């Protein structure tokens, strides 16, 4: 039964991502990370990338601002598996070291990953689901534009025919204004 629902769920998630991407086209410094050309993403989450030079904050501040605007399910950056104890220290299956004790395993150690770590500072991840629709996508775009203005990013105003949503300043952003 669940597999029968999958095509509709993926279509709904892709439609949500499309509305967000369209809403961000006028933004300078914020974009939706899309799937590579020729691929179709299922969008279990959205990855929003921002230009730190234009936005002026890191992924943690950006994620907090989204949370302050009522956007839930926001995670700053990326969790690196190589930084996790189960990988780094071979802490798996209790004290057995099961996979670490298997033949062919070599201790992996620490990886610098400078490009990935730089990207980590320039993205936020937003969990989405197929029940999210046009209104939620518009709310997300509105929050992103509001945050961009707060952090003094320049962007082109949306065309007159687009829907203008009423902004309700959050307490945290209102204090700074």
C-alpha atoms as a PDB file:
ATOM      1  CA  UNK A   1       0.000   0.000   0.000  1.00  0.00           C
ATOM      2  CA  UNK A   2       2.786   2.437   0.876  1.00  0.00           C
ATOM      3  CA  UNK A   3       4.586   1.867  -2.424  1.00  0.00           C
ATOM      4  CA  UNK A   4       1.382   2.704  -4.282  1.00  0.00           C
ATOM      5  CA  UNK A   5       1.408   6.122  -2.589  1.00  0.00           C
ATOM      6  CA  UNK A   6       5.024   6.833  -3.506  1.00  0.00           C
ATOM      7  CA  UNK A   7       4.562   8.362  -7.001  1.00  0.00           C
ATOM      8  CA  UNK A   8       1.982  10.870  -5.721  1.00  0.00           C
ATOM      9  CA  UNK A   9       4.152  11.698  -2.696  1.00  0.00           C
ATOM     10  CA  UNK A  10       7.178  12.348  -4.904  1.00  0.00           C
ATOM     11  CA  UNK A  11       5.091  14.539  -7.261  1.00  0.00           C
ATOM     12  CA  UNK A  12       3.852  16.570  -4.286  1.00  0.00           C
ATOM     13  CA  UNK A  13       7.382  17.031  -2.927  1.00  0.00           C
ATOM     14  CA  UNK A  14       8.698  18.025  -6.348  1.00  0.00           C
ATOM     15  CA  UNK A  15       5.847  20.538  -6.747  1.00  0.00           C
ATOM     16  CA  UNK A  16       6.715  22.042  -3.353  1.00  0.00           C
ATOM     17  CA  UNK A  17      10.385  22.336  -4.356  1.00  0.00           C
ATOM     18  CA  UNK A  18       9.390  23.940  -7.654  1.00  0.00           C
ATOM     19  CA  UNK A  19       7.326  26.652  -5.912  1.00  0.00           C
ATOM     20  CA  UNK A  20      10.234  27.397  -3.565  1.00  0.00           C
ATOM     21  CA  UNK A  21      12.721  27.511  -6.433  1.00  0.00           C
ATOM     22  CA  UNK A  22      10.476  29.876  -8.405  1.00  0.00           C
ATOM     23  CA  UNK A  23      10.067  32.112  -5.364  1.00  0.00           C
ATOM     24  CA  UNK A  24      13.821  32.307  -4.903  1.00  0.00           C
ATOM     25  CA  UNK A  25      14.641  33.185  -8.531  1.00  0.00           C
ATOM     26  CA  UNK A  26      14.487  36.887  -7.712  1.00  0.00           C
ATOM     27  CA  UNK A  27      16.787  36.483  -4.723  1.00  0.00           C
ATOM     28  CA  UNK A  28      20.420  37.401  -4.868  1.00  0.00           C
ATOM     29  CA  UNK A  29      22.425  35.125  -2.613  1.00  0.00           C
ATOM     30  CA  UNK A  30      19.902  32.387  -1.722  1.00  0.00           C
ATOM     31  CA  UNK A  31      19.058  29.381  -3.870  1.00  0.00           C
ATOM     32  CA  UNK A  32      17.558  25.927  -3.718  1.00  0.00           C
ATOM     33  CA  UNK A  33      20.052  23.146  -4.389  1.00  0.00           C
ATOM     34  CA  UNK A  34      18.411  21.112  -7.142  1.00  0.00           C
ATOM     35  CA  UNK A  35      19.147  17.634  -8.416  1.00  0.00           C
ATOM     36  CA  UNK A  36      21.736  17.219 -11.196  1.00  0.00           C
ATOM     37  CA  UNK A  37      20.568  17.603 -14.794  1.00  0.00           C
ATOM     38  CA  UNK A  38      18.815  14.460 -15.997  1.00  0.00           C
ATOM     39  CA  UNK A  39      17.920  13.302 -12.481  1.00  0.00           C
ATOM     40  CA  UNK A  40      14.617  13.511 -10.618  1.00  0.00           C
ATOM     41  CA  UNK A  41      14.888  14.185  -6.902  1.00  0.00           C
ATOM     42  CA  UNK A  42      12.363  12.837  -4.424  1.00  0.00           C
ATOM     43  CA  UNK A  43      13.008  15.699  -1.970  1.00  0.00           C
ATOM     44  CA  UNK A  44      12.836  14.157   1.465  1.00  0.00           C
ATOM     45  CA  UNK A  45      14.307  17.519   2.436  1.00  0.00           C
ATOM     46  CA  UNK A  46      15.293  20.764   0.732  1.00  0.00           C
ATOM     47  CA  UNK A  47      18.799  22.139   0.803  1.00  0.00           C
ATOM     48  CA  UNK A  48      18.955  25.923   0.745  1.00  0.00           C
ATOM     49  CA  UNK A  49      22.328  27.439  -0.077  1.00  0.00           C
ATOM     50  CA  UNK A  50      23.208  31.015   0.710  1.00  0.00           C
ATOM     51  CA  UNK A  51      26.155  33.191  -0.214  1.00  0.00           C
ATOM     52  CA  UNK A  52      27.844  34.069   3.079  1.00  0.00           C
ATOM     53  CA  UNK A  53      29.305  37.235   1.555  1.00  0.00           C
ATOM     54  CA  UNK A  54      25.822  38.543   0.732  1.00  0.00           C
ATOM     55  CA  UNK A  55      23.927  37.128   3.699  1.00  0.00           C
ATOM     56  CA  UNK A  56      26.502  37.811   6.390  1.00  0.00           C
ATOM     57  CA  UNK A  57      25.765  34.882   8.723  1.00  0.00           C
ATOM     58  CA  UNK A  58      26.595  31.215   9.063  1.00  0.00           C
ATOM     59  CA  UNK A  59      24.299  28.218   8.713  1.00  0.00           C
ATOM     60  CA  UNK A  60      23.512  28.127  12.445  1.00  0.00           C
ATOM     61  CA  UNK A  61      22.315  31.757  12.526  1.00  0.00           C
ATOM     62  CA  UNK A  62      20.391  31.247   9.285  1.00  0.00           C
ATOM     63  CA  UNK A  63      18.681  28.111  10.622  1.00  0.00           C
ATOM     64  CA  UNK A  64      17.826  29.891  13.891  1.00  0.00           C
ATOM     65  CA  UNK A  65      16.278  32.794  11.957  1.00  0.00           C
ATOM     66  CA  UNK A  66      14.117  30.328   9.990  1.00  0.00           C
ATOM     67  CA  UNK A  67      13.036  28.679  13.244  1.00  0.00           C
ATOM     68  CA  UNK A  68      12.248  32.121  14.689  1.00  0.00           C
ATOM     69  CA  UNK A  69       9.990  32.700  11.677  1.00  0.00           C
ATOM     70  CA  UNK A  70       8.036  29.531  12.473  1.00  0.00           C
ATOM     71  CA  UNK A  71       9.705  27.304   9.875  1.00  0.00           C
ATOM     72  CA  UNK A  72      10.213  23.944  11.576  1.00  0.00           C
ATOM     73  CA  UNK A  73      12.470  21.042  10.683  1.00  0.00           C
ATOM     74  CA  UNK A  74      15.530  23.196   9.902  1.00  0.00           C
ATOM     75  CA  UNK A  75      19.031  21.825  10.405  1.00  0.00           C
ATOM     76  CA  UNK A  76      22.145  23.937   9.897  1.00  0.00           C
ATOM     77  CA  UNK A  77      24.748  22.520   7.565  1.00  0.00           C
ATOM     78  CA  UNK A  78      25.439  18.839   7.181  1.00  0.00           C
ATOM     79  CA  UNK A  79      26.231  16.032   9.606  1.00  0.00           C
ATOM     80  CA  UNK A  80      29.468  14.364   8.530  1.00  0.00           C
ATOM     81  CA  UNK A  81      29.431  10.603   9.118  1.00  0.00           C
ATOM     82  CA  UNK A  82      33.233  10.685   9.400  1.00  0.00           C
ATOM     83  CA  UNK A  83      32.902  12.924  12.484  1.00  0.00           C
ATOM     84  CA  UNK A  84      30.519  10.584  14.288  1.00  0.00           C
ATOM     85  CA  UNK A  85      31.835   8.346  17.104  1.00  0.00           C
ATOM     86  CA  UNK A  86      30.546   5.163  15.465  1.00  0.00           C
ATOM     87  CA  UNK A  87      32.817   5.881  12.477  1.00  0.00           C
ATOM     88  CA  UNK A  88      35.683   7.843  13.974  1.00  0.00           C
ATOM     89  CA  UNK A  89      36.133   5.657  17.065  1.00  0.00           C
ATOM     90  CA  UNK A  90      34.618   2.394  15.806  1.00  0.00           C
ATOM     91  CA  UNK A  91      31.897   2.588  18.458  1.00  0.00           C
ATOM     92  CA  UNK A  92      29.426   0.128  17.016  1.00  0.00           C
ATOM     93  CA  UNK A  93      27.305  -2.657  18.436  1.00  0.00           C
ATOM     94  CA  UNK A  94      28.305  -1.846  21.982  1.00  0.00           C
ATOM     95  CA  UNK A  95      31.865  -2.824  22.790  1.00  0.00           C
ATOM     96  CA  UNK A  96      32.061  -5.614  20.223  1.00  0.00           C
ATOM     97  CA  UNK A  97      33.690  -3.491  17.539  1.00  0.00           C
ATOM     98  CA  UNK A  98      31.875  -5.816  15.149  1.00  0.00           C
ATOM     99  CA  UNK A  99      32.489  -4.105  11.843  1.00  0.00           C
ATOM    100  CA  UNK A 100      35.911  -2.820  12.969  1.00  0.00           C
ATOM    101  CA  UNK A 101      36.999  -6.366  13.808  1.00  0.00           C
ATOM    102  CA  UNK A 102      36.011  -7.735  10.408  1.00  0.00           C
ATOM    103  CA  UNK A 103      38.705  -8.573   7.898  1.00  0.00           C
ATOM    104  CA  UNK A 104      39.620  -5.833   5.465  1.00  0.00           C
ATOM    105  CA  UNK A 105      38.700  -3.012   7.838  1.00  0.00           C
ATOM    106  CA  UNK A 106      41.258  -0.329   8.420  1.00  0.00           C
ATOM    107  CA  UNK A 107      40.858   2.484  10.904  1.00  0.00           C
ATOM    108  CA  UNK A 108      39.636   5.429   8.912  1.00  0.00           C
ATOM    109  CA  UNK A 109      40.832   8.341  11.059  1.00  0.00           C
ATOM    110  CA  UNK A 110      40.017  12.002  10.541  1.00  0.00           C
ATOM    111  CA  UNK A 111      39.335  13.634   7.192  1.00  0.00           C
ATOM    112  CA  UNK A 112      39.750  17.377   6.671  1.00  0.00           C
ATOM    113  CA  UNK A 113      37.197  17.631   3.803  1.00  0.00           C
ATOM    114  CA  UNK A 114      37.740  21.395   3.290  1.00  0.00           C
ATOM    115  CA  UNK A 115      35.254  21.793   0.417  1.00  0.00           C
ATOM    116  CA  UNK A 116      32.515  19.884   2.214  1.00  0.00           C
ATOM    117  CA  UNK A 117      33.130  21.802   5.438  1.00  0.00           C
ATOM    118  CA  UNK A 118      32.933  25.130   3.578  1.00  0.00           C
ATOM    119  CA  UNK A 119      29.619  24.068   2.048  1.00  0.00           C
ATOM    120  CA  UNK A 120      28.469  23.037   5.540  1.00  0.00           C
ATOM    121  CA  UNK A 121      28.690  26.707   6.562  1.00  0.00           C
ATOM    122  CA  UNK A 122      26.571  27.806   3.560  1.00  0.00           C
ATOM    123  CA  UNK A 123      23.551  25.500   3.642  1.00  0.00           C
ATOM    124  CA  UNK A 124      20.529  24.682   5.730  1.00  0.00           C
ATOM    125  CA  UNK A 125      18.425  21.572   5.409  1.00  0.00           C
ATOM    126  CA  UNK A 126      14.639  21.745   5.662  1.00  0.00           C
ATOM    127  CA  UNK A 127      12.614  18.598   6.244  1.00  0.00           C
ATOM    128  CA  UNK A 128       9.479  18.494   4.082  1.00  0.00           C
ATOM    129  CA  UNK A 129       6.645  16.056   3.471  1.00  0.00           C
ATOM    130  CA  UNK A 130       4.071  15.495   0.761  1.00  0.00           C
ATOM    131  CA  UNK A 131       1.254  17.147   2.725  1.00  0.00           C
ATOM    132  CA  UNK A 132       2.988  20.501   2.482  1.00  0.00           C
ATOM    133  CA  UNK A 133       1.402  22.599  -0.217  1.00  0.00           C
ATOM    134  CA  UNK A 134       1.403  25.982  -1.891  1.00  0.00           C
ATOM    135  CA  UNK A 135       0.782  27.973   1.290  1.00  0.00           C
ATOM    136  CA  UNK A 136       3.676  26.341   3.148  1.00  0.00           C
ATOM    137  CA  UNK A 137       5.983  26.876   0.169  1.00  0.00           C
ATOM    138  CA  UNK A 138       4.976  30.543  -0.007  1.00  0.00           C
ATOM    139  CA  UNK A 139       5.480  30.911   3.751  1.00  0.00           C
ATOM    140  CA  UNK A 140       8.975  29.458   3.404  1.00  0.00           C
ATOM    141  CA  UNK A 141       9.848  31.824   0.545  1.00  0.00           C
ATOM    142  CA  UNK A 142       8.478  34.775   2.530  1.00  0.00           C
ATOM    143  CA  UNK A 143      10.590  33.812   5.557  1.00  0.00           C
ATOM    144  CA  UNK A 144      13.703  33.422   3.384  1.00  0.00           C
ATOM    145  CA  UNK A 145      13.163  36.861   1.833  1.00  0.00           C
ATOM    146  CA  UNK A 146      12.579  38.421   5.232  1.00  0.00           C
ATOM    147  CA  UNK A 147      15.773  36.893   6.610  1.00  0.00           C
ATOM    148  CA  UNK A 148      17.678  38.031   3.535  1.00  0.00           C
ATOM    149  CA  UNK A 149      16.457  41.598   4.072  1.00  0.00           C
ATOM    150  CA  UNK A 150      17.355  41.400   7.739  1.00  0.00           C
ATOM    151  CA  UNK A 151      20.891  40.338   6.910  1.00  0.00           C
ATOM    152  CA  UNK A 152      21.007  43.119   4.303  1.00  0.00           C
ATOM    153  CA  UNK A 153      21.173  40.978   1.213  1.00  0.00           C
ATOM    154  CA  UNK A 154      20.138  42.837  -1.929  1.00  0.00           C
ATOM    155  CA  UNK A 155      17.484  41.199  -4.006  1.00  0.00           C
ATOM    156  CA  UNK A 156      15.136  42.190  -6.780  1.00  0.00           C
ATOM    157  CA  UNK A 157      11.560  42.782  -5.674  1.00  0.00           C
ATOM    158  CA  UNK A 158       9.138  40.159  -6.953  1.00  0.00           C
ATOM    159  CA  UNK A 159       7.124  41.014 -10.081  1.00  0.00           C
ATOM    160  CA  UNK A 160       3.817  42.777  -9.421  1.00  0.00           C
ATOM    161  CA  UNK A 161       1.743  39.765 -10.524  1.00  0.00           C
ATOM    162  CA  UNK A 162       3.212  37.546  -7.778  1.00  0.00           C
ATOM    163  CA  UNK A 163       1.308  36.933  -4.568  1.00  0.00           C
ATOM    164  CA  UNK A 164       2.309  39.301  -1.768  1.00  0.00           C
ATOM    165  CA  UNK A 165       2.049  37.643   1.622  1.00  0.00           C
ATOM    166  CA  UNK A 166       1.649  39.653   4.791  1.00  0.00           C
ATOM    167  CA  UNK A 167       4.760  39.420   6.929  1.00  0.00           C
ATOM    168  CA  UNK A 168       4.459  39.001  10.671  1.00  0.00           C
ATOM    169  CA  UNK A 169       7.803  39.868  12.242  1.00  0.00           C
ATOM    170  CA  UNK A 170       9.050  37.398  14.759  1.00  0.00           C
ATOM    171  CA  UNK A 171       9.997  38.684  18.175  1.00  0.00           C
ATOM    172  CA  UNK A 172      13.712  38.095  17.556  1.00  0.00           C
ATOM    173  CA  UNK A 173      13.807  39.970  14.254  1.00  0.00           C
ATOM    174  CA  UNK A 174      11.513  42.741  15.486  1.00  0.00           C
ATOM    175  CA  UNK A 175      13.915  43.479  18.357  1.00  0.00           C
ATOM    176  CA  UNK A 176      16.785  43.990  15.905  1.00  0.00           C
ATOM    177  CA  UNK A 177      14.860  46.323  13.583  1.00  0.00           C
END
